C-alpha atoms as a PDB file:
ATOM      1  CA  MET A   1       9.317  -5.222 -24.999  1.00  0.00           C
ATOM      2  CA  ILE A   2       6.897  -6.157 -22.192  1.00  0.00           C
ATOM      3  CA  PRO A   3       8.183  -5.131 -18.751  1.00  0.00           C
ATOM      4  CA  LYS A   4       8.777  -7.904 -16.193  1.00  0.00           C
ATOM      5  CA  VAL A   5       7.900  -7.835 -12.519  1.00  0.00           C
ATOM      6  CA  ILE A   6       9.390 -10.117  -9.844  1.00  0.00           C
ATOM      7  CA  VAL A   7       6.870 -11.167  -7.181  1.00  0.00           C
ATOM      8  CA  LYS A   8       7.904 -11.882  -3.607  1.00  0.00           C
ATOM      9  CA  HIS A   9       5.486 -13.220  -0.994  1.00  0.00           C
ATOM     10  CA  LEU A  10       6.928 -12.252   2.370  1.00  0.00           C
ATOM     11  CA  GLY A  11       4.171 -13.651   4.564  1.00  0.00           C
ATOM     12  CA  ILE A  12       3.722 -12.113   8.030  1.00  0.00           C
ATOM     13  CA  ILE A  13       6.779  -9.946   8.499  1.00  0.00           C
ATOM     14  CA  ASP A  14       7.854  -7.278  10.991  1.00  0.00           C
ATOM     15  CA  TYR A  15       7.312  -3.790   9.568  1.00  0.00           C
ATOM     16  CA  GLN A  16      10.939  -2.707  10.059  1.00  0.00           C
ATOM     17  CA  GLU A  17      12.229  -5.821   8.326  1.00  0.00           C
ATOM     18  CA  ALA A  18       9.961  -5.239   5.320  1.00  0.00           C
ATOM     19  CA  TRP A  19      10.898  -1.554   5.238  1.00  0.00           C
ATOM     20  CA  ASP A  20      14.601  -2.428   5.244  1.00  0.00           C
ATOM     21  CA  PHE A  21      14.056  -4.891   2.383  1.00  0.00           C
ATOM     22  CA  GLN A  22      12.151  -2.283   0.372  1.00  0.00           C
ATOM     23  CA  GLU A  23      14.949   0.227   0.944  1.00  0.00           C
ATOM     24  CA  GLU A  24      17.558  -2.293  -0.251  1.00  0.00           C
ATOM     25  CA  LEU A  25      15.714  -2.899  -3.522  1.00  0.00           C
ATOM     26  CA  PHE A  26      14.815   0.790  -3.923  1.00  0.00           C
ATOM     27  CA  GLN A  27      18.379   2.027  -3.383  1.00  0.00           C
ATOM     28  CA  GLU A  28      19.866  -0.639  -5.682  1.00  0.00           C
ATOM     29  CA  ASN A  29      17.593   0.564  -8.510  1.00  0.00           C
ATOM     30  CA  ILE A  30      18.559   4.183  -7.902  1.00  0.00           C
ATOM     31  CA  ARG A  31      22.251   3.230  -7.793  1.00  0.00           C
ATOM     32  CA  LEU A  32      21.882   1.458 -11.139  1.00  0.00           C
ATOM     33  CA  LYS A  33      20.103   4.403 -12.727  1.00  0.00           C
ATOM     34  CA  ILE A  34      22.845   6.801 -11.659  1.00  0.00           C
ATOM     35  CA  ALA A  35      25.535   4.397 -12.918  1.00  0.00           C
ATOM     36  CA  GLN A  36      23.716   4.016 -16.275  1.00  0.00           C
ATOM     37  CA  ARG A  37      23.539   7.761 -16.788  1.00  0.00           C
ATOM     38  CA  ASN A  38      27.213   8.060 -15.957  1.00  0.00           C
ATOM     39  CA  GLY A  39      28.054   5.366 -18.497  1.00  0.00           C
ATOM     40  CA  GLU A  40      29.371   3.064 -15.780  1.00  0.00           C
ATOM     41  CA  THR A  41      27.070   0.081 -16.364  1.00  0.00           C
ATOM     42  CA  THR A  42      24.589  -1.426 -18.788  1.00  0.00           C
ATOM     43  CA  ALA A  43      22.825  -3.411 -16.037  1.00  0.00           C
ATOM     44  CA  GLN A  44      19.095  -2.823 -15.912  1.00  0.00           C
ATOM     45  CA  THR A  45      16.871  -1.952 -12.992  1.00  0.00           C
ATOM     46  CA  LYS A  46      14.299  -4.535 -11.809  1.00  0.00           C
ATOM     47  CA  ASN A  47      10.668  -4.239 -10.866  1.00  0.00           C
ATOM     48  CA  TYR A  48       9.384  -5.955  -7.738  1.00  0.00           C
ATOM     49  CA  LEU A  49       5.978  -6.556  -6.215  1.00  0.00           C
ATOM     50  CA  LEU A  50       6.143  -7.410  -2.514  1.00  0.00           C
ATOM     51  CA  PHE A  51       3.146  -8.899  -0.710  1.00  0.00           C
ATOM     52  CA  CYS A  52       2.952  -9.286   3.044  1.00  0.00           C
ATOM     53  CA  GLU A  53       1.010  -8.840   6.259  1.00  0.00           C
ATOM     54  CA  HIS A  54       2.379  -7.071   9.327  1.00  0.00           C
ATOM     55  CA  PRO A  55       1.983  -7.559  13.068  1.00  0.00           C
ATOM     56  CA  HIS A  56       0.022  -4.638  14.576  1.00  0.00           C
ATOM     57  CA  VAL A  57       1.799  -1.406  13.656  1.00  0.00           C
ATOM     58  CA  TYR A  58       1.051   2.279  13.125  1.00  0.00           C
ATOM     59  CA  THR A  59       3.073   4.269  10.610  1.00  0.00           C
ATOM     60  CA  LEU A  60       3.176   8.045  10.231  1.00  0.00           C
ATOM     61  CA  GLY A  61       4.051   9.578   6.860  1.00  0.00           C
ATOM     62  CA  LYS A  62       6.105  12.703   6.234  1.00  0.00           C
ATOM     63  CA  SER A  63       3.064  15.032   6.139  1.00  0.00           C
ATOM     64  CA  GLY A  64       1.375  13.429   9.144  1.00  0.00           C
ATOM     65  CA  LYS A  65       0.761  14.722  12.662  1.00  0.00           C
ATOM     66  CA  LYS A  66       1.929  12.786  15.714  1.00  0.00           C
ATOM     67  CA  GLU A  67      -1.250  13.827  17.562  1.00  0.00           C
ATOM     68  CA  HIS A  68      -3.210  11.629  15.144  1.00  0.00           C
ATOM     69  CA  LEU A  69      -1.884   8.719  17.195  1.00  0.00           C
ATOM     70  CA  LEU A  70      -4.430   8.805  20.010  1.00  0.00           C
ATOM     71  CA  MET A  71      -2.500   6.924  22.666  1.00  0.00           C
ATOM     72  CA  SER A  72       0.723   6.816  24.623  1.00  0.00           C
ATOM     73  CA  GLU A  73       3.691   4.556  24.010  1.00  0.00           C
ATOM     74  CA  GLU A  74       2.669   2.626  27.113  1.00  0.00           C
ATOM     75  CA  ARG A  75      -0.766   1.973  25.621  1.00  0.00           C
ATOM     76  CA  LEU A  76       0.870   0.846  22.373  1.00  0.00           C
ATOM     77  CA  ALA A  77       2.664  -1.899  24.297  1.00  0.00           C
ATOM     78  CA  GLU A  78      -0.568  -2.916  25.984  1.00  0.00           C
ATOM     79  CA  ILE A  79      -2.300  -3.575  22.652  1.00  0.00           C
ATOM     80  CA  ASN A  80       0.794  -5.289  21.270  1.00  0.00           C
ATOM     81  CA  ALA A  81       1.414  -2.650  18.587  1.00  0.00           C
ATOM     82  CA  ARG A  82       4.441  -0.694  17.386  1.00  0.00           C
ATOM     83  CA  TYR A  83       4.834   2.771  15.887  1.00  0.00           C
ATOM     84  CA  TYR A  84       7.152   4.129  13.178  1.00  0.00           C
ATOM     85  CA  LYS A  85       7.627   7.506  11.536  1.00  0.00           C
ATOM     86  CA  ILE A  86       8.497   6.735   7.940  1.00  0.00           C
ATOM     87  CA  ASN A  87       9.442   8.303   4.611  1.00  0.00           C
ATOM     88  CA  ARG A  88       6.307   7.841   2.557  1.00  0.00           C
ATOM     89  CA  GLY A  89       3.679  10.479   1.817  1.00  0.00           C
ATOM     90  CA  GLY A  90       0.478  10.727   3.776  1.00  0.00           C
ATOM     91  CA  ASP A  91      -0.540  10.750   7.413  1.00  0.00           C
ATOM     92  CA  ILE A  92      -0.969   7.947   9.930  1.00  0.00           C
ATOM     93  CA  THR A  93      -2.309   4.499   9.140  1.00  0.00           C
ATOM     94  CA  TYR A  94      -2.536   1.024  10.629  1.00  0.00           C
ATOM     95  CA  HIS A  95      -1.245  -2.309   9.368  1.00  0.00           C
ATOM     96  CA  GLY A  96      -2.033  -5.643  10.935  1.00  0.00           C
ATOM     97  CA  PRO A  97      -2.970  -9.283  10.382  1.00  0.00           C
ATOM     98  CA  GLY A  98      -5.690  -9.798   7.809  1.00  0.00           C
ATOM     99  CA  GLN A  99      -4.660  -6.744   5.790  1.00  0.00           C
ATOM    100  CA  LEU A 100      -3.117  -7.269   2.379  1.00  0.00           C
ATOM    101  CA  VAL A 101      -0.062  -4.999   2.177  1.00  0.00           C
ATOM    102  CA  VAL A 102       1.441  -4.452  -1.265  1.00  0.00           C
ATOM    103  CA  TYR A 103       4.781  -2.713  -1.927  1.00  0.00           C
ATOM    104  CA  PRO A 104       5.583  -2.132  -5.614  1.00  0.00           C
ATOM    105  CA  ILE A 105       9.252  -1.296  -6.173  1.00  0.00           C
ATOM    106  CA  PHE A 106       8.737  -0.157  -9.762  1.00  0.00           C
ATOM    107  CA  ASP A 107      10.981   1.796 -12.086  1.00  0.00           C
ATOM    108  CA  LEU A 108       8.249   3.877 -13.747  1.00  0.00           C
ATOM    109  CA  GLU A 109      10.445   4.532 -16.766  1.00  0.00           C
ATOM    110  CA  TYR A 110       9.394   1.033 -17.870  1.00  0.00           C
ATOM    111  CA  PHE A 111       5.762   2.178 -17.851  1.00  0.00           C
ATOM    112  CA  PHE A 112       5.129   5.953 -17.700  1.00  0.00           C
ATOM    113  CA  THR A 113       6.705   8.832 -15.836  1.00  0.00           C
ATOM    114  CA  ASP A 114       3.607  10.098 -14.047  1.00  0.00           C
ATOM    115  CA  ILE A 115       3.279   9.542 -10.293  1.00  0.00           C
ATOM    116  CA  HIS A 116      -0.355  10.700 -10.272  1.00  0.00           C
ATOM    117  CA  LYS A 117      -1.242   8.090 -12.900  1.00  0.00           C
ATOM    118  CA  TYR A 118       0.744   5.487 -10.946  1.00  0.00           C
ATOM    119  CA  MET A 119      -1.327   6.083  -7.815  1.00  0.00           C
ATOM    120  CA  ARG A 120      -4.591   6.022  -9.741  1.00  0.00           C
ATOM    121  CA  PHE A 121      -3.601   2.662 -11.264  1.00  0.00           C
ATOM    122  CA  LEU A 122      -2.951   1.209  -7.819  1.00  0.00           C
ATOM    123  CA  GLU A 123      -6.373   2.413  -6.742  1.00  0.00           C
ATOM    124  CA  GLU A 124      -7.976   1.071  -9.898  1.00  0.00           C
ATOM    125  CA  ALA A 125      -6.569  -2.407  -9.321  1.00  0.00           C
ATOM    126  CA  VAL A 126      -8.253  -2.435  -5.897  1.00  0.00           C
ATOM    127  CA  ILE A 127     -11.509  -1.095  -7.327  1.00  0.00           C
ATOM    128  CA  LEU A 128     -11.554  -3.837  -9.985  1.00  0.00           C
ATOM    129  CA  THR A 129     -10.771  -6.477  -7.364  1.00  0.00           C
ATOM    130  CA  LEU A 130     -13.661  -5.334  -5.195  1.00  0.00           C
ATOM    131  CA  ALA A 131     -15.985  -5.423  -8.203  1.00  0.00           C
ATOM    132  CA  GLU A 132     -15.369  -9.173  -8.388  1.00  0.00           C
ATOM    133  CA  TYR A 133     -17.031  -9.385  -4.976  1.00  0.00           C
ATOM    134  CA  ASP A 134     -19.946  -7.223  -6.200  1.00  0.00           C
ATOM    135  CA  ILE A 135     -18.740  -4.256  -4.196  1.00  0.00           C
ATOM    136  CA  GLU A 136     -18.834  -0.886  -5.936  1.00  0.00           C
ATOM    137  CA  ALA A 137     -15.885   1.200  -4.841  1.00  0.00           C
ATOM    138  CA  GLY A 138     -14.309   4.417  -6.025  1.00  0.00           C
ATOM    139  CA  ARG A 139     -12.391   7.557  -5.100  1.00  0.00           C
ATOM    140  CA  VAL A 140     -13.043  10.725  -3.108  1.00  0.00           C
ATOM    141  CA  ASP A 141     -11.916  14.009  -4.634  1.00  0.00           C
ATOM    142  CA  GLY A 142      -8.808  15.308  -2.957  1.00  0.00           C
ATOM    143  CA  LEU A 143      -8.122  12.114  -1.026  1.00  0.00           C
ATOM    144  CA  THR A 144      -6.077   9.038  -1.896  1.00  0.00           C
ATOM    145  CA  GLY A 145      -7.073   5.410  -1.434  1.00  0.00           C
ATOM    146  CA  VAL A 146     -10.229   3.459  -2.241  1.00  0.00           C
ATOM    147  CA  TRP A 147     -13.593   4.253  -0.744  1.00  0.00           C
ATOM    148  CA  LEU A 148     -17.107   2.854  -0.506  1.00  0.00           C
ATOM    149  CA  ASP A 149     -20.030   5.321  -0.750  1.00  0.00           C
ATOM    150  CA  GLY A 150     -17.402   8.031  -1.013  1.00  0.00           C
ATOM    151  CA  ASP A 151     -19.826  10.793  -1.887  1.00  0.00           C
ATOM    152  CA  SER A 152     -22.164  10.180   1.045  1.00  0.00           C
ATOM    153  CA  SER A 153     -22.253  10.522   4.828  1.00  0.00           C
ATOM    154  CA  CYS A 154     -21.548   6.757   4.974  1.00  0.00           C
ATOM    155  CA  ALA A 155     -18.159   7.089   3.257  1.00  0.00           C
ATOM    156  CA  ARG A 156     -15.660   4.518   4.473  1.00  0.00           C
ATOM    157  CA  LYS A 157     -12.114   3.702   3.365  1.00  0.00           C
ATOM    158  CA  ILE A 158     -11.198   0.108   2.512  1.00  0.00           C
ATOM    159  CA  CYS A 159      -7.708   0.695   1.149  1.00  0.00           C
ATOM    160  CA  ALA A 160      -5.132   3.249   2.262  1.00  0.00           C
ATOM    161  CA  MET A 161      -2.165   4.362   0.167  1.00  0.00           C
ATOM    162  CA  GLY A 162       1.177   6.089   0.692  1.00  0.00           C
ATOM    163  CA  VAL A 163       4.123   6.088  -1.670  1.00  0.00           C
ATOM    164  CA  LYS A 164       7.591   7.459  -2.084  1.00  0.00           C
ATOM    165  CA  SER A 165       9.444   7.939  -5.359  1.00  0.00           C
ATOM    166  CA  SER A 166      12.896   9.095  -6.463  1.00  0.00           C
ATOM    167  CA  ARG A 167      14.275   9.070 -10.005  1.00  0.00           C
ATOM    168  CA  TRP A 168      10.942   7.437 -10.950  1.00  0.00           C
ATOM    169  CA  VAL A 169      11.581   4.462  -8.646  1.00  0.00           C
ATOM    170  CA  THR A 170       8.730   3.785  -6.180  1.00  0.00           C
ATOM    171  CA  MET A 171       8.414   2.219  -2.737  1.00  0.00           C
ATOM    172  CA  HIS A 172       5.765   1.805  -0.029  1.00  0.00           C
ATOM    173  CA  GLY A 173       2.261   1.195  -1.409  1.00  0.00           C
ATOM    174  CA  ILE A 174      -1.152   0.111  -0.175  1.00  0.00           C
ATOM    175  CA  GLY A 175      -2.891  -1.463   2.795  1.00  0.00           C
ATOM    176  CA  PHE A 176      -6.055  -3.273   1.645  1.00  0.00           C
ATOM    177  CA  ASN A 177      -8.353  -4.290   4.517  1.00  0.00           C
ATOM    178  CA  ILE A 178      -9.492  -7.866   3.968  1.00  0.00           C
ATOM    179  CA  ASN A 179     -10.021  -9.583   7.367  1.00  0.00           C
ATOM    180  CA  THR A 180      -8.540  -6.714   9.351  1.00  0.00           C
ATOM    181  CA  ASP A 181      -9.403  -6.119  13.022  1.00  0.00           C
ATOM    182  CA  LEU A 182     -10.893  -2.676  12.544  1.00  0.00           C
ATOM    183  CA  ALA A 183     -10.834  -1.908  16.289  1.00  0.00           C
ATOM    184  CA  TYR A 184      -7.168  -0.952  15.884  1.00  0.00           C
ATOM    185  CA  PHE A 185      -8.234   2.062  13.787  1.00  0.00           C
ATOM    186  CA  ASN A 186      -9.995   3.478  16.872  1.00  0.00           C
ATOM    187  CA  TYR A 187      -6.581   4.451  18.273  1.00  0.00           C
ATOM    188  CA  ILE A 188      -5.722   6.813  15.412  1.00  0.00           C
ATOM    189  CA  VAL A 189      -7.214   9.452  13.121  1.00  0.00           C
ATOM    190  CA  PRO A 190      -6.864   7.269   9.998  1.00  0.00           C
ATOM    191  CA  CYS A 191      -4.914   9.125   7.285  1.00  0.00           C
ATOM    192  CA  GLY A 192      -5.631  12.330   9.224  1.00  0.00           C
ATOM    193  CA  ILE A 193      -9.313  12.238   8.187  1.00  0.00           C
ATOM    194  CA  GLU A 194     -11.593  12.745  11.196  1.00  0.00           C
ATOM    195  CA  ASP A 195     -15.062  12.461   9.660  1.00  0.00           C
ATOM    196  CA  LYS A 196     -14.907   9.210   7.671  1.00  0.00           C
ATOM    197  CA  ALA A 197     -14.966   5.561   8.729  1.00  0.00           C
ATOM    198  CA  VAL A 198     -12.836   2.554   7.844  1.00  0.00           C
ATOM    199  CA  THR A 199     -14.086  -0.812   6.611  1.00  0.00           C
ATOM    200  CA  SER A 200     -12.888  -4.189   5.403  1.00  0.00           C
ATOM    201  CA  LEU A 201     -13.927  -6.737   2.802  1.00  0.00           C
ATOM    202  CA  GLN A 202     -14.956  -9.105   5.559  1.00  0.00           C
ATOM    203  CA  LYS A 203     -17.204  -6.476   7.159  1.00  0.00           C
ATOM    204  CA  GLU A 204     -18.840  -5.557   3.857  1.00  0.00           C
ATOM    205  CA  LEU A 205     -19.479  -9.190   2.876  1.00  0.00           C
ATOM    206  CA  GLY A 206     -20.376 -10.385   6.361  1.00  0.00           C
ATOM    207  CA  ARG A 207     -17.912 -13.268   6.178  1.00  0.00           C
ATOM    208  CA  PRO A 208     -14.149 -13.941   6.247  1.00  0.00           C
ATOM    209  CA  VAL A 209     -12.417 -13.852   2.887  1.00  0.00           C
ATOM    210  CA  ASN A 210      -9.518 -15.907   1.590  1.00  0.00           C
ATOM    211  CA  ILE A 211      -6.692 -13.359   1.393  1.00  0.00           C
ATOM    212  CA  GLU A 212      -4.769 -15.465  -1.140  1.00  0.00           C
ATOM    213  CA  GLU A 213      -7.794 -15.341  -3.436  1.00  0.00           C
ATOM    214  CA  VAL A 214      -7.937 -11.556  -3.142  1.00  0.00           C
ATOM    215  CA  LYS A 215      -4.205 -11.351  -3.816  1.00  0.00           C
ATOM    216  CA  SER A 216      -4.553 -13.392  -7.030  1.00  0.00           C
ATOM    217  CA  LYS A 217      -7.335 -11.158  -8.323  1.00  0.00           C
ATOM    218  CA  PHE A 218      -5.398  -8.012  -7.458  1.00  0.00           C
ATOM    219  CA  MET A 219      -2.262  -9.309  -9.165  1.00  0.00           C
ATOM    220  CA  LEU A 220      -4.180  -9.956 -12.385  1.00  0.00           C
ATOM    221  CA  HIS A 221      -5.757  -6.522 -12.454  1.00  0.00           C
ATOM    222  CA  LEU A 222      -2.510  -4.735 -11.650  1.00  0.00           C
ATOM    223  CA  SER A 223      -0.573  -6.559 -14.404  1.00  0.00           C
ATOM    224  CA  THR A 224      -3.332  -5.744 -16.891  1.00  0.00           C
ATOM    225  CA  LEU A 225      -3.330  -2.040 -16.031  1.00  0.00           C
ATOM    226  CA  PHE A 226       0.464  -1.717 -16.154  1.00  0.00           C
ATOM    227  CA  ALA A 227       0.837  -4.158 -19.070  1.00  0.00           C
ATOM    228  CA  TYR A 228       3.604  -6.233 -17.538  1.00  0.00           C
ATOM    229  CA  GLU A 229       4.375  -9.954 -17.066  1.00  0.00           C
ATOM    230  CA  TYR A 230       5.230 -11.733 -13.809  1.00  0.00           C
ATOM    231  CA  ILE A 231       8.454 -13.719 -13.509  1.00  0.00           C
END
């Protein structure tokens, strides 16, 4: 039976509001899985794919260092940004307008129980999407996310990633820089990596890009990799 995924387009949404919504879906799936194993229900978990953009915000993962935020709380207010310490993996990153943020709330038992493979598939969907714009992207050994010229001194990250999973249910996801204002990355050590730059699809192409077009391409590649259908 082909797995089904429910898509929700949240538009521009406050980070905390989106986080709360993820947690609601995530915890419901975990509750159902526990109830199933206790013989208390036959109801099935559901897979969701959430798309959104956020107002300017910095998020610090569980393994991150607060000093990678290179400004005070007063300065945060001056640049109209917020800051959250959150429960995903990884270090500090930035989300803002023009960035395609994707949160899969997947029960991996519908697909495969391998979190490493899951993360590589997310990366691969971005790599395949970029190829449609004639941009060759790839990975850097030991680092997550998607990179351009990753094995050179010109290495630059175009997509950051941080996920959480419990009982094979996932949350959090990726931030794919499309028309992102890259100046906001100057206030952090992105993902805790001091010697590599950040880029966007707009910067690489030298023109703004339709984010809905990118979303459609990404959705197709992700569904092909995971072999699911949208509903």
